[in-house]
């Protein structure tokens, strides 16, 4: 018993047993590695053989019928031409009360002349009176009527301070539908100015009546 205890506790004996166990493991590992190398070499050396016969049945080609695409172009319908609309004609009548100017003469001038131009007096004389524009609202509604305008004739024959005094439709009802057009037309009037003793002077409170009527 003492001898067995000595053998077990001897380090030299333990090292020998360990080396023997490691040697057995190395031999086993080398044998397994060699076996794997032989198997792989056998697999690599095996020749590839083509399969005998067709593995899959042949596929027949499919022939599609020829297709033709036909595009039909339809012409758009021809729209009949509308007859030209008849233009609406209208006529503006102006009733201007013109007073014939009385001409007065002074006493005979010395030297045998019967008339001295420096003492001639007369009322204004109309020179230019443009036609007023017919209001579109009145034209659409078929309204007719007239406007009385009042203004001042200046020393140069122009017009200032034009205003509408009264406006009526054809039925005699008061209306201002023509006022703006009438005042604008009166502002463009031109006159020969009033003369007093041969000197141009202003004439206040001159009135004109402008009539609006649609031609039939």
C-alpha atoms as a PDB file:
ATOM      1  CA  UNK A   1       0.000   0.000   0.000  1.00  0.00           C
ATOM      2  CA  UNK A   2       2.798   2.338   0.736  1.00  0.00           C
ATOM      3  CA  UNK A   3       4.314   1.542  -2.634  1.00  0.00           C
ATOM      4  CA  UNK A   4       1.081   2.347  -4.474  1.00  0.00           C
ATOM      5  CA  UNK A   5       0.844   5.681  -2.709  1.00  0.00           C
ATOM      6  CA  UNK A   6       4.374   6.470  -3.719  1.00  0.00           C
ATOM      7  CA  UNK A   7       3.697   5.665  -7.369  1.00  0.00           C
ATOM      8  CA  UNK A   8       0.586   7.827  -7.430  1.00  0.00           C
ATOM      9  CA  UNK A   9       2.245  10.760  -5.849  1.00  0.00           C
ATOM     10  CA  UNK A  10       5.326  10.558  -8.078  1.00  0.00           C
ATOM     11  CA  UNK A  11       5.226  13.403 -10.681  1.00  0.00           C
ATOM     12  CA  UNK A  12       7.322  11.471 -13.176  1.00  0.00           C
ATOM     13  CA  UNK A  13       4.746   8.701 -13.376  1.00  0.00           C
ATOM     14  CA  UNK A  14       1.892  11.216 -13.909  1.00  0.00           C
ATOM     15  CA  UNK A  15       3.687  12.923 -16.807  1.00  0.00           C
ATOM     16  CA  UNK A  16       4.256   9.637 -18.566  1.00  0.00           C
ATOM     17  CA  UNK A  17       0.564   8.747 -18.434  1.00  0.00           C
ATOM     18  CA  UNK A  18      -0.434  12.164 -19.793  1.00  0.00           C
ATOM     19  CA  UNK A  19       1.949  11.892 -22.716  1.00  0.00           C
ATOM     20  CA  UNK A  20       0.611   8.464 -23.593  1.00  0.00           C
ATOM     21  CA  UNK A  21      -2.976   9.765 -23.632  1.00  0.00           C
ATOM     22  CA  UNK A  22      -2.024  12.717 -25.881  1.00  0.00           C
ATOM     23  CA  UNK A  23      -0.210  10.396 -28.272  1.00  0.00           C
ATOM     24  CA  UNK A  24      -3.302   8.229 -28.690  1.00  0.00           C
ATOM     25  CA  UNK A  25      -5.416  11.322 -29.476  1.00  0.00           C
ATOM     26  CA  UNK A  26      -2.943  12.531 -32.087  1.00  0.00           C
ATOM     27  CA  UNK A  27      -2.921   9.165 -33.830  1.00  0.00           C
ATOM     28  CA  UNK A  28      -6.725   9.100 -33.924  1.00  0.00           C
ATOM     29  CA  UNK A  29      -6.920  12.627 -35.321  1.00  0.00           C
ATOM     30  CA  UNK A  30      -4.341  11.846 -37.996  1.00  0.00           C
ATOM     31  CA  UNK A  31      -6.281   8.752 -39.045  1.00  0.00           C
ATOM     32  CA  UNK A  32      -9.539  10.710 -39.362  1.00  0.00           C
ATOM     33  CA  UNK A  33      -7.822  13.450 -41.388  1.00  0.00           C
ATOM     34  CA  UNK A  34      -6.286  10.924 -43.763  1.00  0.00           C
ATOM     35  CA  UNK A  35      -9.655   9.247 -44.243  1.00  0.00           C
ATOM     36  CA  UNK A  36     -11.314  12.572 -45.133  1.00  0.00           C
ATOM     37  CA  UNK A  37      -8.564  13.364 -47.653  1.00  0.00           C
ATOM     38  CA  UNK A  38      -9.058  10.006 -49.353  1.00  0.00           C
ATOM     39  CA  UNK A  39     -12.841  10.475 -49.566  1.00  0.00           C
ATOM     40  CA  UNK A  40     -12.513  13.974 -51.054  1.00  0.00           C
ATOM     41  CA  UNK A  41      -9.984  12.764 -53.594  1.00  0.00           C
ATOM     42  CA  UNK A  42     -12.347  10.001 -54.656  1.00  0.00           C
ATOM     43  CA  UNK A  43     -15.175  12.494 -55.104  1.00  0.00           C
ATOM     44  CA  UNK A  44     -13.031  14.825 -57.190  1.00  0.00           C
ATOM     45  CA  UNK A  45     -11.776  12.011 -59.401  1.00  0.00           C
ATOM     46  CA  UNK A  46     -15.295  10.814 -60.233  1.00  0.00           C
ATOM     47  CA  UNK A  47     -16.117  11.600 -63.913  1.00  0.00           C
ATOM     48  CA  UNK A  48     -19.270  13.556 -64.783  1.00  0.00           C
ATOM     49  CA  UNK A  49     -21.651  11.625 -66.974  1.00  0.00           C
ATOM     50  CA  UNK A  50     -24.336  13.188 -69.166  1.00  0.00           C
ATOM     51  CA  UNK A  51     -27.840  12.048 -68.334  1.00  0.00           C
ATOM     52  CA  UNK A  52     -29.161   9.406 -70.657  1.00  0.00           C
ATOM     53  CA  UNK A  53     -32.080  10.656 -72.735  1.00  0.00           C
ATOM     54  CA  UNK A  54     -34.026  13.895 -72.380  1.00  0.00           C
ATOM     55  CA  UNK A  55     -35.004  14.633 -68.866  1.00  0.00           C
ATOM     56  CA  UNK A  56     -37.761  17.024 -69.960  1.00  0.00           C
ATOM     57  CA  UNK A  57     -40.174  16.704 -72.906  1.00  0.00           C
ATOM     58  CA  UNK A  58     -39.502  19.105 -75.807  1.00  0.00           C
ATOM     59  CA  UNK A  59     -41.491  22.359 -75.873  1.00  0.00           C
ATOM     60  CA  UNK A  60     -43.280  23.032 -79.121  1.00  0.00           C
ATOM     61  CA  UNK A  61     -43.083  26.636 -80.412  1.00  0.00           C
ATOM     62  CA  UNK A  62     -46.282  28.657 -80.200  1.00  0.00           C
ATOM     63  CA  UNK A  63     -47.221  30.624 -83.310  1.00  0.00           C
ATOM     64  CA  UNK A  64     -49.515  33.586 -82.679  1.00  0.00           C
ATOM     65  CA  UNK A  65     -51.680  34.839 -85.532  1.00  0.00           C
ATOM     66  CA  UNK A  66     -50.539  38.091 -87.102  1.00  0.00           C
ATOM     67  CA  UNK A  67     -52.446  41.035 -85.686  1.00  0.00           C
ATOM     68  CA  UNK A  68     -53.189  44.188 -87.644  1.00  0.00           C
ATOM     69  CA  UNK A  69     -54.111  47.387 -85.863  1.00  0.00           C
ATOM     70  CA  UNK A  70     -56.473  49.601 -87.821  1.00  0.00           C
ATOM     71  CA  UNK A  71     -57.049  53.139 -86.572  1.00  0.00           C
ATOM     72  CA  UNK A  72     -60.074  54.890 -87.973  1.00  0.00           C
ATOM     73  CA  UNK A  73     -60.010  58.659 -87.868  1.00  0.00           C
ATOM     74  CA  UNK A  74     -63.370  60.294 -87.736  1.00  0.00           C
ATOM     75  CA  UNK A  75     -63.626  63.840 -88.966  1.00  0.00           C
ATOM     76  CA  UNK A  76     -65.169  66.255 -86.459  1.00  0.00           C
ATOM     77  CA  UNK A  77     -68.629  67.412 -87.408  1.00  0.00           C
ATOM     78  CA  UNK A  78     -68.667  70.653 -89.282  1.00  0.00           C
ATOM     79  CA  UNK A  79     -70.465  73.265 -87.269  1.00  0.00           C
ATOM     80  CA  UNK A  80     -72.711  75.398 -89.414  1.00  0.00           C
ATOM     81  CA  UNK A  81     -71.705  78.996 -89.484  1.00  0.00           C
ATOM     82  CA  UNK A  82     -73.954  81.285 -87.550  1.00  0.00           C
ATOM     83  CA  UNK A  83     -75.428  84.048 -89.606  1.00  0.00           C
ATOM     84  CA  UNK A  84     -73.808  87.369 -88.823  1.00  0.00           C
ATOM     85  CA  UNK A  85     -75.683  89.245 -86.196  1.00  0.00           C
ATOM     86  CA  UNK A  86     -77.379  92.344 -87.373  1.00  0.00           C
ATOM     87  CA  UNK A  87     -75.737  95.379 -85.835  1.00  0.00           C
ATOM     88  CA  UNK A  88     -77.981  97.506 -83.718  1.00  0.00           C
ATOM     89  CA  UNK A  89     -78.130 100.914 -85.219  1.00  0.00           C
ATOM     90  CA  UNK A  90     -79.160 103.906 -83.263  1.00  0.00           C
ATOM     91  CA  UNK A  91     -79.632 107.504 -84.096  1.00  0.00           C
ATOM     92  CA  UNK A  92     -79.214 110.413 -81.760  1.00  0.00           C
ATOM     93  CA  UNK A  93     -81.251 113.450 -82.526  1.00  0.00           C
ATOM     94  CA  UNK A  94     -80.153 116.780 -81.174  1.00  0.00           C
ATOM     95  CA  UNK A  95     -82.660 119.551 -80.923  1.00  0.00           C
ATOM     96  CA  UNK A  96     -80.595 122.626 -80.240  1.00  0.00           C
ATOM     97  CA  UNK A  97     -82.484 125.780 -79.706  1.00  0.00           C
ATOM     98  CA  UNK A  98     -80.429 128.354 -81.540  1.00  0.00           C
ATOM     99  CA  UNK A  99     -81.338 131.970 -81.119  1.00  0.00           C
ATOM    100  CA  UNK A 100     -80.575 134.075 -84.147  1.00  0.00           C
ATOM    101  CA  UNK A 101     -78.371 136.814 -82.804  1.00  0.00           C
ATOM    102  CA  UNK A 102     -79.729 140.270 -83.261  1.00  0.00           C
ATOM    103  CA  UNK A 103     -77.123 142.642 -84.537  1.00  0.00           C
ATOM    104  CA  UNK A 104     -77.216 146.146 -83.172  1.00  0.00           C
ATOM    105  CA  UNK A 105     -75.392 149.082 -84.590  1.00  0.00           C
ATOM    106  CA  UNK A 106     -74.218 152.200 -82.895  1.00  0.00           C
ATOM    107  CA  UNK A 107     -74.414 155.682 -84.322  1.00  0.00           C
ATOM    108  CA  UNK A 108     -72.716 156.285 -87.672  1.00  0.00           C
ATOM    109  CA  UNK A 109     -69.013 156.632 -87.322  1.00  0.00           C
ATOM    110  CA  UNK A 110     -67.383 159.820 -88.465  1.00  0.00           C
ATOM    111  CA  UNK A 111     -65.888 159.802 -91.921  1.00  0.00           C
ATOM    112  CA  UNK A 112     -68.947 158.489 -93.763  1.00  0.00           C
ATOM    113  CA  UNK A 113     -68.741 154.817 -92.603  1.00  0.00           C
ATOM    114  CA  UNK A 114     -72.190 153.360 -91.980  1.00  0.00           C
ATOM    115  CA  UNK A 115     -71.104 150.638 -89.470  1.00  0.00           C
ATOM    116  CA  UNK A 116     -68.325 150.747 -86.919  1.00  0.00           C
ATOM    117  CA  UNK A 117     -67.180 147.118 -86.228  1.00  0.00           C
ATOM    118  CA  UNK A 118     -66.077 148.041 -82.738  1.00  0.00           C
ATOM    119  CA  UNK A 119     -69.682 148.620 -81.614  1.00  0.00           C
ATOM    120  CA  UNK A 120     -71.274 145.456 -83.112  1.00  0.00           C
ATOM    121  CA  UNK A 121     -73.057 143.218 -80.551  1.00  0.00           C
ATOM    122  CA  UNK A 122     -74.342 139.636 -81.076  1.00  0.00           C
ATOM    123  CA  UNK A 123     -75.220 136.434 -79.263  1.00  0.00           C
ATOM    124  CA  UNK A 124     -73.035 133.298 -79.364  1.00  0.00           C
ATOM    125  CA  UNK A 125     -73.029 131.316 -82.614  1.00  0.00           C
ATOM    126  CA  UNK A 126     -72.639 127.477 -82.546  1.00  0.00           C
ATOM    127  CA  UNK A 127     -69.638 126.234 -84.498  1.00  0.00           C
ATOM    128  CA  UNK A 128     -69.212 122.555 -83.508  1.00  0.00           C
ATOM    129  CA  UNK A 129     -71.661 120.258 -81.698  1.00  0.00           C
ATOM    130  CA  UNK A 130     -70.616 116.568 -81.698  1.00  0.00           C
ATOM    131  CA  UNK A 131     -73.231 113.837 -81.387  1.00  0.00           C
ATOM    132  CA  UNK A 132     -73.405 112.383 -77.867  1.00  0.00           C
ATOM    133  CA  UNK A 133     -72.785 108.694 -77.219  1.00  0.00           C
ATOM    134  CA  UNK A 134     -75.927 106.621 -76.684  1.00  0.00           C
ATOM    135  CA  UNK A 135     -75.652 104.979 -73.227  1.00  0.00           C
ATOM    136  CA  UNK A 136     -75.314 101.194 -73.567  1.00  0.00           C
ATOM    137  CA  UNK A 137     -77.686 100.553 -70.640  1.00  0.00           C
ATOM    138  CA  UNK A 138     -80.406 102.643 -72.272  1.00  0.00           C
ATOM    139  CA  UNK A 139     -79.755 100.987 -75.633  1.00  0.00           C
ATOM    140  CA  UNK A 140     -80.118  97.468 -74.184  1.00  0.00           C
ATOM    141  CA  UNK A 141     -83.375  98.402 -72.472  1.00  0.00           C
ATOM    142  CA  UNK A 142     -84.698 100.346 -75.451  1.00  0.00           C
ATOM    143  CA  UNK A 143     -85.071 103.558 -73.451  1.00  0.00           C
ATOM    144  CA  UNK A 144     -85.510 106.821 -75.345  1.00  0.00           C
ATOM    145  CA  UNK A 145     -85.715 110.341 -73.962  1.00  0.00           C
ATOM    146  CA  UNK A 146     -84.029 113.714 -73.731  1.00  0.00           C
ATOM    147  CA  UNK A 147     -81.874 115.833 -71.426  1.00  0.00           C
ATOM    148  CA  UNK A 148     -81.767 119.596 -70.908  1.00  0.00           C
ATOM    149  CA  UNK A 149     -78.201 120.769 -70.258  1.00  0.00           C
ATOM    150  CA  UNK A 150     -77.063 124.160 -69.027  1.00  0.00           C
ATOM    151  CA  UNK A 151     -73.585 125.650 -69.388  1.00  0.00           C
ATOM    152  CA  UNK A 152     -71.530 128.808 -69.768  1.00  0.00           C
ATOM    153  CA  UNK A 153     -69.929 129.915 -73.042  1.00  0.00           C
ATOM    154  CA  UNK A 154     -66.532 131.434 -72.351  1.00  0.00           C
ATOM    155  CA  UNK A 155     -64.917 134.444 -74.024  1.00  0.00           C
ATOM    156  CA  UNK A 156     -62.958 132.090 -76.294  1.00  0.00           C
ATOM    157  CA  UNK A 157     -66.032 130.129 -77.406  1.00  0.00           C
ATOM    158  CA  UNK A 158     -65.504 127.069 -75.196  1.00  0.00           C
ATOM    159  CA  UNK A 159     -67.948 125.561 -72.694  1.00  0.00           C
ATOM    160  CA  UNK A 160     -67.554 125.236 -68.942  1.00  0.00           C
ATOM    161  CA  UNK A 161     -69.733 124.341 -65.953  1.00  0.00           C
ATOM    162  CA  UNK A 162     -71.928 122.013 -68.028  1.00  0.00           C
ATOM    163  CA  UNK A 163     -74.637 120.240 -66.017  1.00  0.00           C
ATOM    164  CA  UNK A 164     -77.872 118.352 -66.572  1.00  0.00           C
ATOM    165  CA  UNK A 165     -80.913 120.371 -65.556  1.00  0.00           C
ATOM    166  CA  UNK A 166     -83.562 117.718 -66.243  1.00  0.00           C
ATOM    167  CA  UNK A 167     -83.881 114.355 -67.970  1.00  0.00           C
ATOM    168  CA  UNK A 168     -86.967 112.409 -69.069  1.00  0.00           C
ATOM    169  CA  UNK A 169     -87.722 109.208 -70.944  1.00  0.00           C
ATOM    170  CA  UNK A 170     -90.132 108.971 -73.865  1.00  0.00           C
ATOM    171  CA  UNK A 171     -93.036 108.348 -71.458  1.00  0.00           C
ATOM    172  CA  UNK A 172     -92.326 111.589 -69.589  1.00  0.00           C
ATOM    173  CA  UNK A 173     -90.877 109.935 -66.486  1.00  0.00           C
ATOM    174  CA  UNK A 174     -87.810 111.575 -64.907  1.00  0.00           C
ATOM    175  CA  UNK A 175     -84.581 109.647 -65.521  1.00  0.00           C
ATOM    176  CA  UNK A 176     -80.866 110.306 -65.275  1.00  0.00           C
ATOM    177  CA  UNK A 177     -79.757 107.508 -67.620  1.00  0.00           C
ATOM    178  CA  UNK A 178     -78.753 110.048 -70.300  1.00  0.00           C
ATOM    179  CA  UNK A 179     -77.273 112.734 -68.025  1.00  0.00           C
ATOM    180  CA  UNK A 180     -73.613 111.736 -68.160  1.00  0.00           C
ATOM    181  CA  UNK A 181     -73.612 111.335 -71.936  1.00  0.00           C
ATOM    182  CA  UNK A 182     -75.361 114.667 -72.467  1.00  0.00           C
ATOM    183  CA  UNK A 183     -73.019 116.599 -70.152  1.00  0.00           C
ATOM    184  CA  UNK A 184     -69.942 115.056 -71.825  1.00  0.00           C
ATOM    185  CA  UNK A 185     -71.246 116.068 -75.251  1.00  0.00           C
ATOM    186  CA  UNK A 186     -72.086 119.617 -74.137  1.00  0.00           C
ATOM    187  CA  UNK A 187     -68.587 120.093 -72.722  1.00  0.00           C
ATOM    188  CA  UNK A 188     -67.213 119.650 -76.271  1.00  0.00           C
ATOM    189  CA  UNK A 189     -69.417 122.289 -77.903  1.00  0.00           C
ATOM    190  CA  UNK A 190     -67.668 125.178 -79.647  1.00  0.00           C
ATOM    191  CA  UNK A 191     -69.139 128.642 -80.242  1.00  0.00           C
ATOM    192  CA  UNK A 192     -68.290 132.025 -81.546  1.00  0.00           C
ATOM    193  CA  UNK A 193     -68.401 134.006 -78.304  1.00  0.00           C
ATOM    194  CA  UNK A 194     -70.951 136.634 -77.515  1.00  0.00           C
ATOM    195  CA  UNK A 195     -69.944 140.170 -78.466  1.00  0.00           C
ATOM    196  CA  UNK A 196     -70.859 143.325 -76.654  1.00  0.00           C
ATOM    197  CA  UNK A 197     -69.679 146.470 -78.381  1.00  0.00           C
ATOM    198  CA  UNK A 198     -67.265 144.285 -80.334  1.00  0.00           C
ATOM    199  CA  UNK A 199     -65.726 142.722 -77.193  1.00  0.00           C
ATOM    200  CA  UNK A 200     -66.082 138.924 -76.489  1.00  0.00           C
ATOM    201  CA  UNK A 201     -67.838 138.248 -73.193  1.00  0.00           C
ATOM    202  CA  UNK A 202     -69.091 135.179 -71.335  1.00  0.00           C
ATOM    203  CA  UNK A 203     -72.659 134.013 -71.700  1.00  0.00           C
ATOM    204  CA  UNK A 204     -74.168 132.278 -68.676  1.00  0.00           C
ATOM    205  CA  UNK A 205     -77.209 130.031 -68.426  1.00  0.00           C
ATOM    206  CA  UNK A 206     -77.189 128.742 -72.005  1.00  0.00           C
ATOM    207  CA  UNK A 207     -79.517 125.737 -72.326  1.00  0.00           C
ATOM    208  CA  UNK A 208     -79.701 123.025 -74.975  1.00  0.00           C
ATOM    209  CA  UNK A 209     -82.030 120.049 -75.284  1.00  0.00           C
ATOM    210  CA  UNK A 210     -80.405 116.789 -76.455  1.00  0.00           C
ATOM    211  CA  UNK A 211     -82.807 114.066 -77.618  1.00  0.00           C
ATOM    212  CA  UNK A 212     -81.974 110.328 -77.673  1.00  0.00           C
ATOM    213  CA  UNK A 213     -83.938 108.130 -80.072  1.00  0.00           C
ATOM    214  CA  UNK A 214     -83.272 104.606 -81.389  1.00  0.00           C
ATOM    215  CA  UNK A 215     -83.653 104.202 -85.142  1.00  0.00           C
ATOM    216  CA  UNK A 216     -86.295 101.670 -86.177  1.00  0.00           C
END
